[in-house]
Amino acid sequence: MRILDFFRNNRKTSASTAKDRLQIIVAQERMTRNGPDYLPMMKEELLLVVRKYIQVPDGAVTVKLDKDDDCEVLELNIMLPEQAEAE
């Protein structure tokens, strides 16, 4: 029977790809909705501080809060341009 499986069309349809992408977006929204209220404000303030020294786009700062059993980890990522010009 494995030989017949080889000839079947195993490609993902665009509908299933769209469904997978939507599930990822919904999961991300749920994570931010259950997060602390200060995270969006913290993200904006960090972006302002970084912009004092180098120009970065609006989406350059990502903040993620992970919760383990008794520990919370705040992960901060800032995408810097390849060549930052010093003033």
PDB file of N, CA and C in Angstrom:
ATOM      1  N   MET A   1       0.807  -1.198   0.000  1.00  0.00           N
ATOM      2  CA  MET A   1       0.000   0.000   0.000  1.00  0.00           C
ATOM      3  C   MET A   1       0.857   1.271   0.000  1.00  0.00           C
ATOM      4  N   ARG A   2       2.064   1.220   0.492  1.00  0.00           N
ATOM      5  CA  ARG A   2       2.936   2.382   0.512  1.00  0.00           C
ATOM      6  C   ARG A   2       3.228   2.893  -0.900  1.00  0.00           C
ATOM      7  N   ILE A   3       3.248   2.004  -1.867  1.00  0.00           N
ATOM      8  CA  ILE A   3       3.525   2.404  -3.247  1.00  0.00           C
ATOM      9  C   ILE A   3       2.398   3.299  -3.766  1.00  0.00           C
ATOM     10  N   LEU A   4       1.166   2.988  -3.411  1.00  0.00           N
ATOM     11  CA  LEU A   4       0.043   3.819  -3.841  1.00  0.00           C
ATOM     12  C   LEU A   4       0.053   5.180  -3.163  1.00  0.00           C
ATOM     13  N   ASP A   5       0.525   5.255  -1.921  1.00  0.00           N
ATOM     14  CA  ASP A   5       0.620   6.533  -1.219  1.00  0.00           C
ATOM     15  C   ASP A   5       1.579   7.477  -1.920  1.00  0.00           C
ATOM     16  N   PHE A   6       2.566   6.941  -2.590  1.00  0.00           N
ATOM     17  CA  PHE A   6       3.545   7.762  -3.291  1.00  0.00           C
ATOM     18  C   PHE A   6       2.888   8.572  -4.403  1.00  0.00           C
ATOM     19  N   PHE A   7       1.882   8.009  -5.043  1.00  0.00           N
ATOM     20  CA  PHE A   7       1.243   8.661  -6.178  1.00  0.00           C
ATOM     21  C   PHE A   7       0.100   9.598  -5.773  1.00  0.00           C
ATOM     22  N   ARG A   8      -0.277   9.573  -4.533  1.00  0.00           N
ATOM     23  CA  ARG A   8      -1.342  10.463  -4.076  1.00  0.00           C
ATOM     24  C   ARG A   8      -0.826  11.884  -3.972  1.00  0.00           C
ATOM     25  N   ASN A   9      -1.722  12.815  -4.078  1.00  0.00           N
ATOM     26  CA  ASN A   9      -1.381  14.230  -3.977  1.00  0.00           C
ATOM     27  C   ASN A   9      -1.313  14.611  -2.498  1.00  0.00           C
ATOM     28  N   ASN A  10      -0.128  14.838  -1.976  1.00  0.00           N
ATOM     29  CA  ASN A  10       0.058  15.162  -0.562  1.00  0.00           C
ATOM     30  C   ASN A  10       0.289  16.655  -0.338  1.00  0.00           C
ATOM     31  N   ARG A  11       0.022  17.467  -1.335  1.00  0.00           N
ATOM     32  CA  ARG A  11       0.229  18.906  -1.190  1.00  0.00           C
ATOM     33  C   ARG A  11      -0.815  19.498  -0.258  1.00  0.00           C
ATOM     34  N   LYS A  12      -0.387  20.513   0.478  1.00  0.00           N
ATOM     35  CA  LYS A  12      -1.324  21.229   1.324  1.00  0.00           C
ATOM     36  C   LYS A  12      -2.133  22.181   0.460  1.00  0.00           C
ATOM     37  N   THR A  13      -3.394  22.273   0.745  1.00  0.00           N
ATOM     38  CA  THR A  13      -4.231  23.222   0.019  1.00  0.00           C
ATOM     39  C   THR A  13      -4.028  24.615   0.593  1.00  0.00           C
ATOM     40  N   SER A  14      -4.422  25.608  -0.153  1.00  0.00           N
ATOM     41  CA  SER A  14      -4.271  26.973   0.340  1.00  0.00           C
ATOM     42  C   SER A  14      -5.169  27.204   1.557  1.00  0.00           C
ATOM     43  N   ALA A  15      -6.277  26.511   1.617  1.00  0.00           N
ATOM     44  CA  ALA A  15      -7.174  26.652   2.773  1.00  0.00           C
ATOM     45  C   ALA A  15      -6.520  26.128   4.045  1.00  0.00           C
ATOM     46  N   SER A  16      -5.843  25.001   3.953  1.00  0.00           N
ATOM     47  CA  SER A  16      -5.200  24.467   5.156  1.00  0.00           C
ATOM     48  C   SER A  16      -4.009  25.331   5.561  1.00  0.00           C
ATOM     49  N   THR A  17      -3.299  25.898   4.584  1.00  0.00           N
ATOM     50  CA  THR A  17      -2.198  26.808   4.909  1.00  0.00           C
ATOM     51  C   THR A  17      -2.736  28.064   5.593  1.00  0.00           C
ATOM     52  N   ALA A  18      -3.837  28.611   5.078  1.00  0.00           N
ATOM     53  CA  ALA A  18      -4.454  29.787   5.690  1.00  0.00           C
ATOM     54  C   ALA A  18      -4.941  29.473   7.102  1.00  0.00           C
ATOM     55  N   LYS A  19      -5.483  28.284   7.300  1.00  0.00           N
ATOM     56  CA  LYS A  19      -5.958  27.874   8.630  1.00  0.00           C
ATOM     57  C   LYS A  19      -4.791  27.805   9.607  1.00  0.00           C
ATOM     58  N   ASP A  20      -3.670  27.229   9.182  1.00  0.00           N
ATOM     59  CA  ASP A  20      -2.485  27.146  10.042  1.00  0.00           C
ATOM     60  C   ASP A  20      -1.984  28.536  10.421  1.00  0.00           C
ATOM     61  N   ARG A  21      -1.939  29.432   9.458  1.00  0.00           N
ATOM     62  CA  ARG A  21      -1.480  30.804   9.731  1.00  0.00           C
ATOM     63  C   ARG A  21      -2.424  31.527  10.683  1.00  0.00           C
ATOM     64  N   LEU A  22      -3.711  31.332  10.495  1.00  0.00           N
ATOM     65  CA  LEU A  22      -4.693  31.965  11.372  1.00  0.00           C
ATOM     66  C   LEU A  22      -4.567  31.449  12.802  1.00  0.00           C
ATOM     67  N   GLN A  23      -4.313  30.157  12.960  1.00  0.00           N
ATOM     68  CA  GLN A  23      -4.132  29.596  14.294  1.00  0.00           C
ATOM     69  C   GLN A  23      -2.916  30.209  14.990  1.00  0.00           C
ATOM     70  N   ILE A  24      -1.866  30.467  14.246  1.00  0.00           N
ATOM     71  CA  ILE A  24      -0.670  31.100  14.818  1.00  0.00           C
ATOM     72  C   ILE A  24      -0.992  32.519  15.266  1.00  0.00           C
ATOM     73  N   ILE A  25      -1.717  33.258  14.432  1.00  0.00           N
ATOM     74  CA  ILE A  25      -2.081  34.638  14.780  1.00  0.00           C
ATOM     75  C   ILE A  25      -2.975  34.670  16.017  1.00  0.00           C
ATOM     76  N   VAL A  26      -3.942  33.770  16.085  1.00  0.00           N
ATOM     77  CA  VAL A  26      -4.844  33.721  17.240  1.00  0.00           C
ATOM     78  C   VAL A  26      -4.073  33.372  18.512  1.00  0.00           C
ATOM     79  N   ALA A  27      -3.132  32.442  18.407  1.00  0.00           N
ATOM     80  CA  ALA A  27      -2.320  32.076  19.581  1.00  0.00           C
ATOM     81  C   ALA A  27      -1.496  33.259  20.061  1.00  0.00           C
ATOM     82  N   GLN A  28      -0.929  34.032  19.137  1.00  0.00           N
ATOM     83  CA  GLN A  28      -0.145  35.202  19.528  1.00  0.00           C
ATOM     84  C   GLN A  28      -1.025  36.256  20.188  1.00  0.00           C
ATOM     85  N   GLU A  29      -2.225  36.459  19.663  1.00  0.00           N
ATOM     86  CA  GLU A  29      -3.145  37.425  20.252  1.00  0.00           C
ATOM     87  C   GLU A  29      -3.554  37.013  21.665  1.00  0.00           C
ATOM     88  N   ARG A  30      -3.783  35.733  21.869  1.00  0.00           N
ATOM     89  CA  ARG A  30      -4.151  35.254  23.206  1.00  0.00           C
ATOM     90  C   ARG A  30      -3.019  35.466  24.191  1.00  0.00           C
ATOM     91  N   MET A  31      -1.781  35.269  23.738  1.00  0.00           N
ATOM     92  CA  MET A  31      -0.633  35.467  24.628  1.00  0.00           C
ATOM     93  C   MET A  31      -0.515  36.926  25.043  1.00  0.00           C
ATOM     94  N   THR A  32      -0.719  37.858  24.105  1.00  0.00           N
ATOM     95  CA  THR A  32      -0.589  39.277  24.449  1.00  0.00           C
ATOM     96  C   THR A  32      -1.771  39.752  25.279  1.00  0.00           C
ATOM     97  N   ARG A  33      -2.947  39.167  25.065  1.00  0.00           N
ATOM     98  CA  ARG A  33      -4.125  39.576  25.819  1.00  0.00           C
ATOM     99  C   ARG A  33      -3.999  39.189  27.287  1.00  0.00           C
ATOM    100  N   ASN A  34      -3.377  38.047  27.562  1.00  0.00           N
ATOM    101  CA  ASN A  34      -3.227  37.577  28.937  1.00  0.00           C
ATOM    102  C   ASN A  34      -1.976  38.135  29.608  1.00  0.00           C
ATOM    103  N   GLY A  35      -1.190  38.906  28.882  1.00  0.00           N
ATOM    104  CA  GLY A  35       0.045  39.461  29.440  1.00  0.00           C
ATOM    105  C   GLY A  35      -0.229  40.685  30.292  1.00  0.00           C
ATOM    106  N   PRO A  36       0.777  41.144  30.986  1.00  0.00           N
ATOM    107  CA  PRO A  36       0.626  42.346  31.819  1.00  0.00           C
ATOM    108  C   PRO A  36       0.316  43.578  30.970  1.00  0.00           C
ATOM    109  N   ASP A  37      -0.367  44.544  31.572  1.00  0.00           N
ATOM    110  CA  ASP A  37      -0.767  45.759  30.862  1.00  0.00           C
ATOM    111  C   ASP A  37       0.423  46.652  30.514  1.00  0.00           C
ATOM    112  N   TYR A  38       1.522  46.529  31.229  1.00  0.00           N
ATOM    113  CA  TYR A  38       2.651  47.430  31.021  1.00  0.00           C
ATOM    114  C   TYR A  38       3.544  47.051  29.842  1.00  0.00           C
ATOM    115  N   LEU A  39       3.391  45.865  29.272  1.00  0.00           N
ATOM    116  CA  LEU A  39       4.285  45.434  28.194  1.00  0.00           C
ATOM    117  C   LEU A  39       4.222  46.315  26.947  1.00  0.00           C
ATOM    118  N   PRO A  40       3.065  46.706  26.438  1.00  0.00           N
ATOM    119  CA  PRO A  40       3.063  47.581  25.263  1.00  0.00           C
ATOM    120  C   PRO A  40       3.725  48.932  25.530  1.00  0.00           C
ATOM    121  N   MET A  41       3.491  49.502  26.718  1.00  0.00           N
ATOM    122  CA  MET A  41       4.105  50.776  27.068  1.00  0.00           C
ATOM    123  C   MET A  41       5.618  50.616  27.213  1.00  0.00           C
ATOM    124  N   MET A  42       6.062  49.514  27.799  1.00  0.00           N
ATOM    125  CA  MET A  42       7.481  49.250  27.956  1.00  0.00           C
ATOM    126  C   MET A  42       8.147  49.130  26.589  1.00  0.00           C
ATOM    127  N   LYS A  43       7.478  48.470  25.673  1.00  0.00           N
ATOM    128  CA  LYS A  43       8.013  48.298  24.326  1.00  0.00           C
ATOM    129  C   LYS A  43       8.208  49.652  23.646  1.00  0.00           C
ATOM    130  N   GLU A  44       7.239  50.537  23.749  1.00  0.00           N
ATOM    131  CA  GLU A  44       7.341  51.861  23.137  1.00  0.00           C
ATOM    132  C   GLU A  44       8.452  52.694  23.778  1.00  0.00           C
ATOM    133  N   GLU A  45       8.573  52.628  25.089  1.00  0.00           N
ATOM    134  CA  GLU A  45       9.623  53.386  25.769  1.00  0.00           C
ATOM    135  C   GLU A  45      11.010  52.866  25.400  1.00  0.00           C
ATOM    136  N   LEU A  46      11.155  51.560  25.287  1.00  0.00           N
ATOM    137  CA  LEU A  46      12.442  50.997  24.876  1.00  0.00           C
ATOM    138  C   LEU A  46      12.799  51.429  23.460  1.00  0.00           C
ATOM    139  N   LEU A  47      11.810  51.475  22.599  1.00  0.00           N
ATOM    140  CA  LEU A  47      12.045  51.920  21.231  1.00  0.00           C
ATOM    141  C   LEU A  47      12.503  53.379  21.201  1.00  0.00           C
ATOM    142  N   LEU A  48      11.932  54.209  22.043  1.00  0.00           N
ATOM    143  CA  LEU A  48      12.355  55.609  22.122  1.00  0.00           C
ATOM    144  C   LEU A  48      13.795  55.735  22.612  1.00  0.00           C
ATOM    145  N   VAL A  49      14.169  54.922  23.593  1.00  0.00           N
ATOM    146  CA  VAL A  49      15.543  54.961  24.115  1.00  0.00           C
ATOM    147  C   VAL A  49      16.532  54.510  23.046  1.00  0.00           C
ATOM    148  N   VAL A  50      16.219  53.449  22.337  1.00  0.00           N
ATOM    149  CA  VAL A  50      17.113  52.955  21.289  1.00  0.00           C
ATOM    150  C   VAL A  50      17.250  54.003  20.191  1.00  0.00           C
ATOM    151  N   ARG A  51      16.162  54.697  19.868  1.00  0.00           N
ATOM    152  CA  ARG A  51      16.190  55.723  18.817  1.00  0.00           C
ATOM    153  C   ARG A  51      17.007  56.950  19.192  1.00  0.00           C
ATOM    154  N   LYS A  52      17.348  57.111  20.445  1.00  0.00           N
ATOM    155  CA  LYS A  52      18.248  58.207  20.827  1.00  0.00           C
ATOM    156  C   LYS A  52      19.633  57.992  20.231  1.00  0.00           C
ATOM    157  N   TYR A  53      19.975  56.739  19.981  1.00  0.00           N
ATOM    158  CA  TYR A  53      21.326  56.409  19.527  1.00  0.00           C
ATOM    159  C   TYR A  53      21.386  55.947  18.077  1.00  0.00           C
ATOM    160  N   ILE A  54      20.398  55.192  17.631  1.00  0.00           N
ATOM    161  CA  ILE A  54      20.359  54.732  16.238  1.00  0.00           C
ATOM    162  C   ILE A  54      18.915  54.708  15.753  1.00  0.00           C
ATOM    163  N   GLN A  55      18.747  54.829  14.439  1.00  0.00           N
ATOM    164  CA  GLN A  55      17.412  54.804  13.854  1.00  0.00           C
ATOM    165  C   GLN A  55      17.000  53.352  13.577  1.00  0.00           C
ATOM    166  N   VAL A  56      15.892  52.942  14.159  1.00  0.00           N
ATOM    167  CA  VAL A  56      15.361  51.594  13.962  1.00  0.00           C
ATOM    168  C   VAL A  56      13.882  51.702  13.598  1.00  0.00           C
ATOM    169  N   PRO A  57      13.342  50.750  12.841  1.00  0.00           N
ATOM    170  CA  PRO A  57      11.915  50.792  12.488  1.00  0.00           C
ATOM    171  C   PRO A  57      11.018  50.485  13.688  1.00  0.00           C
ATOM    172  N   ASP A  58       9.724  50.741  13.519  1.00  0.00           N
ATOM    173  CA  ASP A  58       8.761  50.544  14.611  1.00  0.00           C
ATOM    174  C   ASP A  58       8.717  49.104  15.106  1.00  0.00           C
ATOM    175  N   GLY A  59       8.823  48.134  14.227  1.00  0.00           N
ATOM    176  CA  GLY A  59       8.730  46.734  14.630  1.00  0.00           C
ATOM    177  C   GLY A  59      10.041  46.137  15.087  1.00  0.00           C
ATOM    178  N   ALA A  60      11.020  46.970  15.417  1.00  0.00           N
ATOM    179  CA  ALA A  60      12.349  46.475  15.773  1.00  0.00           C
ATOM    180  C   ALA A  60      12.401  45.878  17.172  1.00  0.00           C
ATOM    181  N   VAL A  61      11.477  46.234  18.033  1.00  0.00           N
ATOM    182  CA  VAL A  61      11.489  45.741  19.410  1.00  0.00           C
ATOM    183  C   VAL A  61      10.370  44.731  19.592  1.00  0.00           C
ATOM    184  N   THR A  62      10.718  43.540  20.077  1.00  0.00           N
ATOM    185  CA  THR A  62       9.710  42.548  20.432  1.00  0.00           C
ATOM    186  C   THR A  62       9.902  42.169  21.889  1.00  0.00           C
ATOM    187  N   VAL A  63       8.792  42.099  22.596  1.00  0.00           N
ATOM    188  CA  VAL A  63       8.804  41.760  24.015  1.00  0.00           C
ATOM    189  C   VAL A  63       7.940  40.517  24.194  1.00  0.00           C
ATOM    190  N   LYS A  64       8.471  39.542  24.920  1.00  0.00           N
ATOM    191  CA  LYS A  64       7.752  38.283  25.133  1.00  0.00           C
ATOM    192  C   LYS A  64       7.863  37.896  26.602  1.00  0.00           C
ATOM    193  N   LEU A  65       6.770  37.507  27.195  1.00  0.00           N
ATOM    194  CA  LEU A  65       6.746  37.082  28.586  1.00  0.00           C
ATOM    195  C   LEU A  65       6.413  35.604  28.632  1.00  0.00           C
ATOM    196  N   ASP A  66       7.334  34.794  29.139  1.00  0.00           N
ATOM    197  CA  ASP A  66       7.121  33.357  29.287  1.00  0.00           C
ATOM    198  C   ASP A  66       6.945  33.034  30.762  1.00  0.00           C
ATOM    199  N   LYS A  67       6.009  32.151  31.043  1.00  0.00           N
ATOM    200  CA  LYS A  67       5.752  31.751  32.421  1.00  0.00           C
ATOM    201  C   LYS A  67       6.049  30.270  32.569  1.00  0.00           C
ATOM    202  N   ASP A  68       6.889  29.937  33.523  1.00  0.00           N
ATOM    203  CA  ASP A  68       7.106  28.555  33.915  1.00  0.00           C
ATOM    204  C   ASP A  68       6.347  28.344  35.223  1.00  0.00           C
ATOM    205  N   ASP A  69       6.611  27.274  35.895  1.00  0.00           N
ATOM    206  CA  ASP A  69       5.874  26.967  37.122  1.00  0.00           C
ATOM    207  C   ASP A  69       5.914  28.115  38.129  1.00  0.00           C
ATOM    208  N   ASP A  70       7.091  28.488  38.566  1.00  0.00           N
ATOM    209  CA  ASP A  70       7.210  29.537  39.573  1.00  0.00           C
ATOM    210  C   ASP A  70       8.119  30.668  39.113  1.00  0.00           C
ATOM    211  N   CYS A  71       8.323  30.769  37.809  1.00  0.00           N
ATOM    212  CA  CYS A  71       9.267  31.750  37.283  1.00  0.00           C
ATOM    213  C   CYS A  71       8.684  32.415  36.035  1.00  0.00           C
ATOM    214  N   GLU A  72       8.883  33.714  35.928  1.00  0.00           N
ATOM    215  CA  GLU A  72       8.492  34.448  34.727  1.00  0.00           C
ATOM    216  C   GLU A  72       9.746  34.994  34.075  1.00  0.00           C
ATOM    217  N   VAL A  73       9.828  34.853  32.753  1.00  0.00           N
ATOM    218  CA  VAL A  73      10.993  35.316  32.007  1.00  0.00           C
ATOM    219  C   VAL A  73      10.526  36.347  30.990  1.00  0.00           C
ATOM    220  N   LEU A  74      11.119  37.522  31.039  1.00  0.00           N
ATOM    221  CA  LEU A  74      10.822  38.583  30.091  1.00  0.00           C
ATOM    222  C   LEU A  74      11.924  38.584  29.036  1.00  0.00           C
ATOM    223  N   GLU A  75      11.543  38.295  27.792  1.00  0.00           N
ATOM    224  CA  GLU A  75      12.513  38.235  26.697  1.00  0.00           C
ATOM    225  C   GLU A  75      12.347  39.488  25.848  1.00  0.00           C
ATOM    226  N   LEU A  76      13.447  40.178  25.610  1.00  0.00           N
ATOM    227  CA  LEU A  76      13.443  41.413  24.842  1.00  0.00           C
ATOM    228  C   LEU A  76      14.390  41.258  23.665  1.00  0.00           C
ATOM    229  N   ASN A  77      13.900  41.486  22.461  1.00  0.00           N
ATOM    230  CA  ASN A  77      14.729  41.422  21.264  1.00  0.00           C
ATOM    231  C   ASN A  77      14.647  42.750  20.534  1.00  0.00           C
ATOM    232  N   ILE A  78      15.798  43.291  20.166  1.00  0.00           N
ATOM    233  CA  ILE A  78      15.867  44.527  19.395  1.00  0.00           C
ATOM    234  C   ILE A  78      16.678  44.242  18.143  1.00  0.00           C
ATOM    235  N   MET A  79      16.044  44.379  16.992  1.00  0.00           N
ATOM    236  CA  MET A  79      16.753  44.171  15.738  1.00  0.00           C
ATOM    237  C   MET A  79      17.434  45.474  15.348  1.00  0.00           C
ATOM    238  N   LEU A  80      18.752  45.452  15.384  1.00  0.00           N
ATOM    239  CA  LEU A  80      19.525  46.633  15.035  1.00  0.00           C
ATOM    240  C   LEU A  80      19.930  46.572  13.569  1.00  0.00           C
ATOM    241  N   PRO A  81      20.067  47.751  12.928  1.00  0.00           N
ATOM    242  CA  PRO A  81      20.551  47.738  11.550  1.00  0.00           C
ATOM    243  C   PRO A  81      21.977  47.199  11.492  1.00  0.00           C
ATOM    244  N   GLU A  82      22.378  46.681  10.328  1.00  0.00           N
ATOM    245  CA  GLU A  82      23.699  46.060  10.213  1.00  0.00           C
ATOM    246  C   GLU A  82      24.820  47.051  10.508  1.00  0.00           C
ATOM    247  N   GLN A  83      24.721  48.252   9.992  1.00  0.00           N
ATOM    248  CA  GLN A  83      25.744  49.249  10.253  1.00  0.00           C
ATOM    249  C   GLN A  83      25.095  50.449  10.902  1.00  0.00           C
ATOM    250  N   ALA A  84      25.235  50.526  12.204  1.00  0.00           N
ATOM    251  CA  ALA A  84      24.674  51.662  12.944  1.00  0.00           C
ATOM    252  C   ALA A  84      25.674  52.818  12.874  1.00  0.00           C
ATOM    253  N   GLU A  85      25.188  53.990  12.487  1.00  0.00           N
ATOM    254  CA  GLU A  85      26.066  55.151  12.384  1.00  0.00           C
ATOM    255  C   GLU A  85      26.203  55.813  13.748  1.00  0.00           C
ATOM    256  N   ALA A  86      27.401  56.032  14.164  1.00  0.00           N
ATOM    257  CA  ALA A  86      27.657  56.723  15.433  1.00  0.00           C
ATOM    258  C   ALA A  86      27.561  58.217  15.206  1.00  0.00           C
ATOM    259  N   GLU A  87      27.004  58.919  16.163  1.00  0.00           N
ATOM    260  CA  GLU A  87      26.857  60.381  16.035  1.00  0.00           C
ATOM    261  C   GLU A  87      28.071  61.080  16.576  1.00  0.00           C
TER     262      GLU A  87
END
